[in-house]
PDB file of N, CA and C in Angstrom:
ATOM      1  N   MET A   1      -1.409  -8.079  14.550  1.00  0.00           N
ATOM      2  CA  MET A   1      -0.996  -8.298  13.195  1.00  0.00           C
ATOM      3  C   MET A   1       0.482  -8.633  13.113  1.00  0.00           C
ATOM      4  N   GLY A   2       1.344  -7.728  13.556  1.00  0.00           N
ATOM      5  CA  GLY A   2       2.767  -7.986  13.505  1.00  0.00           C
ATOM      6  C   GLY A   2       3.237  -8.669  14.776  1.00  0.00           C
ATOM      7  N   THR A   3       4.377  -9.305  14.695  1.00  0.00           N
ATOM      8  CA  THR A   3       4.934  -9.950  15.868  1.00  0.00           C
ATOM      9  C   THR A   3       6.061  -9.087  16.399  1.00  0.00           C
ATOM     10  N   LYS A   4       6.366  -9.253  17.672  1.00  0.00           N
ATOM     11  CA  LYS A   4       7.430  -8.459  18.262  1.00  0.00           C
ATOM     12  C   LYS A   4       8.763  -9.125  17.982  1.00  0.00           C
ATOM     13  N   VAL A   5       9.695  -8.367  17.472  1.00  0.00           N
ATOM     14  CA  VAL A   5      11.034  -8.876  17.185  1.00  0.00           C
ATOM     15  C   VAL A   5      12.055  -7.891  17.733  1.00  0.00           C
ATOM     16  N   ARG A   6      13.233  -8.402  18.001  1.00  0.00           N
ATOM     17  CA  ARG A   6      14.310  -7.533  18.472  1.00  0.00           C
ATOM     18  C   ARG A   6      14.977  -6.881  17.266  1.00  0.00           C
ATOM     19  N   GLY A   7      15.323  -5.648  17.405  1.00  0.00           N
ATOM     20  CA  GLY A   7      15.970  -4.932  16.313  1.00  0.00           C
ATOM     21  C   GLY A   7      17.473  -5.100  16.352  1.00  0.00           C
ATOM     22  N   GLY A   8      18.075  -5.362  15.214  1.00  0.00           N
ATOM     23  CA  GLY A   8      19.529  -5.364  15.073  1.00  0.00           C
ATOM     24  C   GLY A   8      20.268  -6.477  15.759  1.00  0.00           C
ATOM     25  N   LYS A   9      20.304  -7.645  15.199  1.00  0.00           N
ATOM     26  CA  LYS A   9      21.109  -8.776  15.667  1.00  0.00           C
ATOM     27  C   LYS A   9      20.832  -9.173  17.112  1.00  0.00           C
ATOM     28  N   GLY A  10      19.576  -9.126  17.533  1.00  0.00           N
ATOM     29  CA  GLY A  10      19.217  -9.565  18.865  1.00  0.00           C
ATOM     30  C   GLY A  10      19.466  -8.538  19.953  1.00  0.00           C
ATOM     31  N   ARG A  11      19.998  -7.394  19.592  1.00  0.00           N
ATOM     32  CA  ARG A  11      20.241  -6.340  20.574  1.00  0.00           C
ATOM     33  C   ARG A  11      19.216  -5.232  20.383  1.00  0.00           C
ATOM     34  N   GLY A  12      18.969  -4.490  21.392  1.00  0.00           N
ATOM     35  CA  GLY A  12      18.101  -3.330  21.265  1.00  0.00           C
ATOM     36  C   GLY A  12      16.679  -3.612  21.721  1.00  0.00           C
ATOM     37  N   PRO A  13      15.832  -2.598  21.625  1.00  0.00           N
ATOM     38  CA  PRO A  13      14.464  -2.719  22.126  1.00  0.00           C
ATOM     39  C   PRO A  13      13.589  -3.584  21.228  1.00  0.00           C
ATOM     40  N   LEU A  14      12.503  -4.084  21.816  1.00  0.00           N
ATOM     41  CA  LEU A  14      11.533  -4.837  21.036  1.00  0.00           C
ATOM     42  C   LEU A  14      10.738  -3.887  20.162  1.00  0.00           C
ATOM     43  N   LYS A  15      10.444  -4.301  18.952  1.00  0.00           N
ATOM     44  CA  LYS A  15       9.611  -3.487  18.067  1.00  0.00           C
ATOM     45  C   LYS A  15       8.751  -4.414  17.229  1.00  0.00           C
ATOM     46  N   LYS A  16       7.655  -3.876  16.706  1.00  0.00           N
ATOM     47  CA  LYS A  16       6.767  -4.687  15.890  1.00  0.00           C
ATOM     48  C   LYS A  16       7.321  -4.798  14.478  1.00  0.00           C
ATOM     49  N   SER A  17       7.208  -5.981  13.877  1.00  0.00           N
ATOM     50  CA  SER A  17       7.665  -6.146  12.515  1.00  0.00           C
ATOM     51  C   SER A  17       6.661  -5.486  11.573  1.00  0.00           C
ATOM     52  N   LYS A  18       7.155  -5.048  10.454  1.00  0.00           N
ATOM     53  CA  LYS A  18       6.322  -4.352   9.487  1.00  0.00           C
ATOM     54  C   LYS A  18       5.383  -5.353   8.817  1.00  0.00           C
ATOM     55  N   VAL A  19       4.102  -5.002   8.737  1.00  0.00           N
ATOM     56  CA  VAL A  19       3.130  -5.870   8.086  1.00  0.00           C
ATOM     57  C   VAL A  19       3.236  -5.656   6.583  1.00  0.00           C
ATOM     58  N   VAL A  20       3.460  -6.727   5.859  1.00  0.00           N
ATOM     59  CA  VAL A  20       3.615  -6.661   4.417  1.00  0.00           C
ATOM     60  C   VAL A  20       2.270  -6.945   3.764  1.00  0.00           C
ATOM     61  N   VAL A  21       1.903  -6.117   2.795  1.00  0.00           N
ATOM     62  CA  VAL A  21       0.662  -6.322   2.063  1.00  0.00           C
ATOM     63  C   VAL A  21       0.914  -7.403   1.008  1.00  0.00           C
ATOM     64  N   PRO A  22       0.190  -8.528   1.082  1.00  0.00           N
ATOM     65  CA  PRO A  22       0.441  -9.608   0.120  1.00  0.00           C
ATOM     66  C   PRO A  22      -0.135  -9.292  -1.251  1.00  0.00           C
ATOM     67  N   LYS A  23       0.437  -9.925  -2.262  1.00  0.00           N
ATOM     68  CA  LYS A  23      -0.136  -9.836  -3.600  1.00  0.00           C
ATOM     69  C   LYS A  23      -1.453 -10.611  -3.596  1.00  0.00           C
ATOM     70  N   ALA A  24      -2.352 -10.307  -4.536  1.00  0.00           N
ATOM     71  CA  ALA A  24      -3.628 -11.016  -4.612  1.00  0.00           C
ATOM     72  C   ALA A  24      -3.436 -12.421  -5.158  1.00  0.00           C
ATOM     73  N   LYS A  25      -2.407 -12.615  -5.995  1.00  0.00           N
ATOM     74  CA  LYS A  25      -2.165 -13.914  -6.617  1.00  0.00           C
ATOM     75  C   LYS A  25      -0.666 -14.186  -6.637  1.00  0.00           C
ATOM     76  N   CYS A  26      -0.282 -15.413  -6.360  1.00  0.00           N
ATOM     77  CA  CYS A  26       1.117 -15.800  -6.398  1.00  0.00           C
ATOM     78  C   CYS A  26       1.578 -15.884  -7.847  1.00  0.00           C
ATOM     79  N   CYS A  27       2.746 -15.328  -8.127  1.00  0.00           N
ATOM     80  CA  CYS A  27       3.246 -15.329  -9.506  1.00  0.00           C
ATOM     81  C   CYS A  27       4.004 -16.606  -9.844  1.00  0.00           C
ATOM     82  N   ASP A  28       4.175 -17.503  -8.868  1.00  0.00           N
ATOM     83  CA  ASP A  28       4.842 -18.799  -9.075  1.00  0.00           C
ATOM     84  C   ASP A  28       6.257 -18.626  -9.624  1.00  0.00           C
ATOM     85  N   ASP A  29       6.959 -17.609  -9.151  1.00  0.00           N
ATOM     86  CA  ASP A  29       8.302 -17.317  -9.601  1.00  0.00           C
ATOM     87  C   ASP A  29       9.304 -17.932  -8.626  1.00  0.00           C
ATOM     88  N   SER A  30      10.497 -18.189  -9.100  1.00  0.00           N
ATOM     89  CA  SER A  30      11.529 -18.704  -8.231  1.00  0.00           C
ATOM     90  C   SER A  30      12.776 -17.849  -8.411  1.00  0.00           C
ATOM     91  N   PRO A  31      13.354 -17.249  -7.428  1.00  0.00           N
ATOM     92  CA  PRO A  31      12.973 -17.284  -6.025  1.00  0.00           C
ATOM     93  C   PRO A  31      11.723 -16.446  -5.760  1.00  0.00           C
ATOM     94  N   LYS A  32      11.060 -16.744  -4.652  1.00  0.00           N
ATOM     95  CA  LYS A  32       9.813 -16.063  -4.314  1.00  0.00           C
ATOM     96  C   LYS A  32      10.078 -14.579  -4.033  1.00  0.00           C
ATOM     97  N   CYS A  33       9.153 -13.743  -4.467  1.00  0.00           N
ATOM     98  CA  CYS A  33       9.279 -12.309  -4.216  1.00  0.00           C
ATOM     99  C   CYS A  33       8.927 -12.008  -2.759  1.00  0.00           C
ATOM    100  N   GLY A  34       9.187 -10.800  -2.298  1.00  0.00           N
ATOM    101  CA  GLY A  34       8.971 -10.420  -0.912  1.00  0.00           C
ATOM    102  C   GLY A  34       7.515 -10.328  -0.509  1.00  0.00           C
ATOM    103  N   ARG A  35       6.596 -10.158  -1.473  1.00  0.00           N
ATOM    104  CA  ARG A  35       5.175 -10.021  -1.166  1.00  0.00           C
ATOM    105  C   ARG A  35       4.374 -11.269  -1.525  1.00  0.00           C
ATOM    106  N   CYS A  36       5.049 -12.355  -1.822  1.00  0.00           N
ATOM    107  CA  CYS A  36       4.376 -13.588  -2.223  1.00  0.00           C
ATOM    108  C   CYS A  36       3.482 -14.095  -1.090  1.00  0.00           C
ATOM    109  N   PRO A  37       2.191 -14.380  -1.373  1.00  0.00           N
ATOM    110  CA  PRO A  37       1.307 -14.855  -0.311  1.00  0.00           C
ATOM    111  C   PRO A  37       1.753 -16.187   0.296  1.00  0.00           C
ATOM    112  N   LEU A  38       2.345 -17.063  -0.517  1.00  0.00           N
ATOM    113  CA  LEU A  38       2.823 -18.336   0.020  1.00  0.00           C
ATOM    114  C   LEU A  38       3.981 -18.121   0.996  1.00  0.00           C
ATOM    115  N   ARG A  39       4.858 -17.215   0.650  1.00  0.00           N
ATOM    116  CA  ARG A  39       5.995 -16.914   1.518  1.00  0.00           C
ATOM    117  C   ARG A  39       5.537 -16.268   2.826  1.00  0.00           C
ATOM    118  N   LEU A  40       4.599 -15.322   2.729  1.00  0.00           N
ATOM    119  CA  LEU A  40       4.089 -14.667   3.926  1.00  0.00           C
ATOM    120  C   LEU A  40       3.372 -15.656   4.838  1.00  0.00           C
ATOM    121  N   LEU A  41       2.628 -16.594   4.240  1.00  0.00           N
ATOM    122  CA  LEU A  41       1.922 -17.604   5.024  1.00  0.00           C
ATOM    123  C   LEU A  41       2.915 -18.513   5.745  1.00  0.00           C
ATOM    124  N   LYS A  42       3.974 -18.904   5.037  1.00  0.00           N
ATOM    125  CA  LYS A  42       4.986 -19.780   5.633  1.00  0.00           C
ATOM    126  C   LYS A  42       5.733 -19.082   6.765  1.00  0.00           C
ATOM    127  N   GLU A  43       6.006 -17.774   6.598  1.00  0.00           N
ATOM    128  CA  GLU A  43       6.722 -17.016   7.614  1.00  0.00           C
ATOM    129  C   GLU A  43       5.796 -16.489   8.709  1.00  0.00           C
ATOM    130  N   GLN A  44       4.516 -16.824   8.626  1.00  0.00           N
ATOM    131  CA  GLN A  44       3.486 -16.409   9.591  1.00  0.00           C
ATOM    132  C   GLN A  44       3.390 -14.895   9.685  1.00  0.00           C
ATOM    133  N   ARG A  45       3.494 -14.213   8.532  1.00  0.00           N
ATOM    134  CA  ARG A  45       3.369 -12.761   8.470  1.00  0.00           C
ATOM    135  C   ARG A  45       2.131 -12.338   7.685  1.00  0.00           C
ATOM    136  N   MET A  46       1.263 -13.280   7.353  1.00  0.00           N
ATOM    137  CA  MET A  46       0.025 -12.958   6.641  1.00  0.00           C
ATOM    138  C   MET A  46      -0.902 -12.189   7.584  1.00  0.00           C
ATOM    139  N   PRO A  47      -1.526 -11.105   7.091  1.00  0.00           N
ATOM    140  CA  PRO A  47      -2.445 -10.340   7.951  1.00  0.00           C
ATOM    141  C   PRO A  47      -3.585 -11.211   8.478  1.00  0.00           C
ATOM    142  N   ASP A  48      -4.106 -10.854   9.654  1.00  0.00           N
ATOM    143  CA  ASP A  48      -5.196 -11.600  10.273  1.00  0.00           C
ATOM    144  C   ASP A  48      -6.413 -11.630   9.360  1.00  0.00           C
ATOM    145  N   GLY A  49      -7.069 -12.777   9.321  1.00  0.00           N
ATOM    146  CA  GLY A  49      -8.283 -12.914   8.532  1.00  0.00           C
ATOM    147  C   GLY A  49      -8.049 -13.315   7.100  1.00  0.00           C
ATOM    148  N   LEU A  50      -6.778 -13.488   6.690  1.00  0.00           N
ATOM    149  CA  LEU A  50      -6.467 -13.878   5.315  1.00  0.00           C
ATOM    150  C   LEU A  50      -5.696 -15.188   5.311  1.00  0.00           C
ATOM    151  N   THR A  51      -5.881 -15.959   4.250  1.00  0.00           N
ATOM    152  CA  THR A  51      -5.129 -17.190   4.049  1.00  0.00           C
ATOM    153  C   THR A  51      -4.936 -17.381   2.547  1.00  0.00           C
ATOM    154  N   VAL A  52      -4.295 -18.484   2.158  1.00  0.00           N
ATOM    155  CA  VAL A  52      -4.017 -18.755   0.747  1.00  0.00           C
ATOM    156  C   VAL A  52      -4.675 -20.062   0.350  1.00  0.00           C
ATOM    157  N   ARG A  53      -5.342 -20.041  -0.795  1.00  0.00           N
ATOM    158  CA  ARG A  53      -5.947 -21.246  -1.347  1.00  0.00           C
ATOM    159  C   ARG A  53      -5.752 -21.224  -2.853  1.00  0.00           C
ATOM    160  N   LYS A  54      -5.133 -22.264  -3.388  1.00  0.00           N
ATOM    161  CA  LYS A  54      -4.827 -22.368  -4.817  1.00  0.00           C
ATOM    162  C   LYS A  54      -4.040 -21.151  -5.313  1.00  0.00           C
ATOM    163  N   ARG A  55      -3.026 -20.753  -4.528  1.00  0.00           N
ATOM    164  CA  ARG A  55      -2.114 -19.650  -4.856  1.00  0.00           C
ATOM    165  C   ARG A  55      -2.782 -18.280  -4.926  1.00  0.00           C
ATOM    166  N   ARG A  56      -3.983 -18.148  -4.371  1.00  0.00           N
ATOM    167  CA  ARG A  56      -4.683 -16.865  -4.338  1.00  0.00           C
ATOM    168  C   ARG A  56      -5.036 -16.520  -2.900  1.00  0.00           C
ATOM    169  N   VAL A  57      -5.028 -15.233  -2.592  1.00  0.00           N
ATOM    170  CA  VAL A  57      -5.379 -14.784  -1.247  1.00  0.00           C
ATOM    171  C   VAL A  57      -6.891 -14.836  -1.092  1.00  0.00           C
ATOM    172  N   VAL A  58      -7.356 -15.472  -0.011  1.00  0.00           N
ATOM    173  CA  VAL A  58      -8.782 -15.579   0.276  1.00  0.00           C
ATOM    174  C   VAL A  58      -9.024 -15.179   1.721  1.00  0.00           C
ATOM    175  N   SER A  59     -10.268 -14.833   2.010  1.00  0.00           N
ATOM    176  CA  SER A  59     -10.666 -14.509   3.370  1.00  0.00           C
ATOM    177  C   SER A  59     -10.907 -15.803   4.142  1.00  0.00           C
ATOM    178  N   VAL A  60     -10.634 -15.791   5.421  1.00  0.00           N
ATOM    179  CA  VAL A  60     -10.854 -16.976   6.247  1.00  0.00           C
ATOM    180  C   VAL A  60     -12.346 -17.292   6.329  1.00  0.00           C
ATOM    181  N   THR A  61     -13.183 -16.251   6.313  1.00  0.00           N
ATOM    182  CA  THR A  61     -14.623 -16.462   6.437  1.00  0.00           C
ATOM    183  C   THR A  61     -15.242 -17.044   5.169  1.00  0.00           C
ATOM    184  N   ASP A  62     -14.680 -16.757   3.979  1.00  0.00           N
ATOM    185  CA  ASP A  62     -15.200 -17.284   2.716  1.00  0.00           C
ATOM    186  C   ASP A  62     -14.031 -17.773   1.857  1.00  0.00           C
ATOM    187  N   PRO A  63     -13.513 -18.972   2.149  1.00  0.00           N
ATOM    188  CA  PRO A  63     -12.308 -19.445   1.451  1.00  0.00           C
ATOM    189  C   PRO A  63     -12.525 -19.852  -0.006  1.00  0.00           C
ATOM    190  N   THR A  64     -13.756 -19.878  -0.490  1.00  0.00           N
ATOM    191  CA  THR A  64     -13.985 -20.263  -1.884  1.00  0.00           C
ATOM    192  C   THR A  64     -13.890 -19.077  -2.827  1.00  0.00           C
ATOM    193  N   HIS A  65     -13.956 -17.854  -2.292  1.00  0.00           N
ATOM    194  CA  HIS A  65     -13.960 -16.654  -3.125  1.00  0.00           C
ATOM    195  C   HIS A  65     -12.606 -15.948  -3.055  1.00  0.00           C
ATOM    196  N   PRO A  66     -11.791 -15.973  -4.142  1.00  0.00           N
ATOM    197  CA  PRO A  66     -10.515 -15.256  -4.128  1.00  0.00           C
ATOM    198  C   PRO A  66     -10.741 -13.744  -4.080  1.00  0.00           C
ATOM    199  N   LEU A  67      -9.895 -13.034  -3.350  1.00  0.00           N
ATOM    200  CA  LEU A  67     -10.029 -11.591  -3.228  1.00  0.00           C
ATOM    201  C   LEU A  67      -9.327 -10.891  -4.384  1.00  0.00           C
ATOM    202  N   SER A  68      -9.980  -9.869  -4.943  1.00  0.00           N
ATOM    203  CA  SER A  68      -9.343  -9.045  -5.960  1.00  0.00           C
ATOM    204  C   SER A  68      -8.448  -8.024  -5.256  1.00  0.00           C
ATOM    205  N   LYS A  69      -7.711  -7.239  -6.034  1.00  0.00           N
ATOM    206  CA  LYS A  69      -6.839  -6.226  -5.439  1.00  0.00           C
ATOM    207  C   LYS A  69      -7.642  -5.213  -4.630  1.00  0.00           C
ATOM    208  N   LYS A  70      -8.789  -4.802  -5.168  1.00  0.00           N
ATOM    209  CA  LYS A  70      -9.622  -3.813  -4.475  1.00  0.00           C
ATOM    210  C   LYS A  70     -10.202  -4.400  -3.194  1.00  0.00           C
ATOM    211  N   GLU A  71     -10.663  -5.648  -3.246  1.00  0.00           N
ATOM    212  CA  GLU A  71     -11.220  -6.293  -2.063  1.00  0.00           C
ATOM    213  C   GLU A  71     -10.142  -6.507  -0.996  1.00  0.00           C
ATOM    214  N   LEU A  72      -8.940  -6.839  -1.437  1.00  0.00           N
ATOM    215  CA  LEU A  72      -7.828  -7.039  -0.510  1.00  0.00           C
ATOM    216  C   LEU A  72      -7.485  -5.721   0.186  1.00  0.00           C
ATOM    217  N   ALA A  73      -7.437  -4.632  -0.574  1.00  0.00           N
ATOM    218  CA  ALA A  73      -7.143  -3.321   0.011  1.00  0.00           C
ATOM    219  C   ALA A  73      -8.236  -2.913   0.997  1.00  0.00           C
ATOM    220  N   ALA A  74      -9.498  -3.161   0.639  1.00  0.00           N
ATOM    221  CA  ALA A  74     -10.613  -2.816   1.533  1.00  0.00           C
ATOM    222  C   ALA A  74     -10.551  -3.649   2.815  1.00  0.00           C
ATOM    223  N   HIS A  75     -10.201  -4.928   2.693  1.00  0.00           N
ATOM    224  CA  HIS A  75     -10.095  -5.807   3.857  1.00  0.00           C
ATOM    225  C   HIS A  75      -9.009  -5.301   4.809  1.00  0.00           C
ATOM    226  N   LEU A  76      -7.845  -4.946   4.258  1.00  0.00           N
ATOM    227  CA  LEU A  76      -6.744  -4.477   5.089  1.00  0.00           C
ATOM    228  C   LEU A  76      -7.064  -3.125   5.712  1.00  0.00           C
ATOM    229  N   LYS A  77      -7.810  -2.292   4.999  1.00  0.00           N
ATOM    230  CA  LYS A  77      -8.192  -0.980   5.531  1.00  0.00           C
ATOM    231  C   LYS A  77      -9.142  -1.149   6.717  1.00  0.00           C
ATOM    232  N   ARG A  78     -10.108  -2.090   6.593  1.00  0.00           N
ATOM    233  CA  ARG A  78     -11.040  -2.360   7.691  1.00  0.00           C
ATOM    234  C   ARG A  78     -10.281  -2.871   8.906  1.00  0.00           C
ATOM    235  N   ARG A  79      -9.327  -3.766   8.689  1.00  0.00           N
ATOM    236  CA  ARG A  79      -8.544  -4.332   9.789  1.00  0.00           C
ATOM    237  C   ARG A  79      -7.703  -3.261  10.471  1.00  0.00           C
ATOM    238  N   LYS A  80      -7.186  -2.316   9.674  1.00  0.00           N
ATOM    239  CA  LYS A  80      -6.341  -1.266  10.227  1.00  0.00           C
ATOM    240  C   LYS A  80      -7.150  -0.353  11.142  1.00  0.00           C
ATOM    241  N   LYS A  81      -8.415  -0.111  10.790  1.00  0.00           N
ATOM    242  CA  LYS A  81      -9.272   0.730  11.602  1.00  0.00           C
ATOM    243  C   LYS A  81      -9.731   0.012  12.875  1.00  0.00           C
ATOM    244  N   GLY A  82      -9.556  -1.315  12.916  1.00  0.00           N
ATOM    245  CA  GLY A  82      -9.911  -2.049  14.119  1.00  0.00           C
ATOM    246  C   GLY A  82     -11.259  -2.729  14.055  1.00  0.00           C
ATOM    247  N   ARG A  83     -11.908  -2.650  12.905  1.00  0.00           N
ATOM    248  CA  ARG A  83     -13.216  -3.311  12.764  1.00  0.00           C
ATOM    249  C   ARG A  83     -13.018  -4.741  12.285  1.00  0.00           C
ATOM    250  N   ALA A  84     -13.931  -5.601  12.693  1.00  0.00           N
ATOM    251  CA  ALA A  84     -13.899  -6.997  12.234  1.00  0.00           C
ATOM    252  C   ALA A  84     -14.454  -7.069  10.830  1.00  0.00           C
ATOM    253  N   ALA A  85     -13.967  -8.026  10.052  1.00  0.00           N
ATOM    254  CA  ALA A  85     -14.412  -8.174   8.669  1.00  0.00           C
ATOM    255  C   ALA A  85     -15.774  -8.780   8.561  1.00  0.00           C
TER     256      ALA A  85
END
């Protein structure tokens, strides 16, 4: 899920970056907020199995169905436990 990055200006031990939980829908605000799905997708920090379509978070397996907040939380919980969606 997270990528390995160096802590503190390129010095120090490698550590995993914190996985950010994306919003279910992009608010289309400028500047983009820290949890914006478009921003996370661009920075390649979107959790595995999720993508963005028409400014809404969708599952890779069913890209036509936007995920609600509850479905998004359930998806991330399943991924955290190590089970496939």
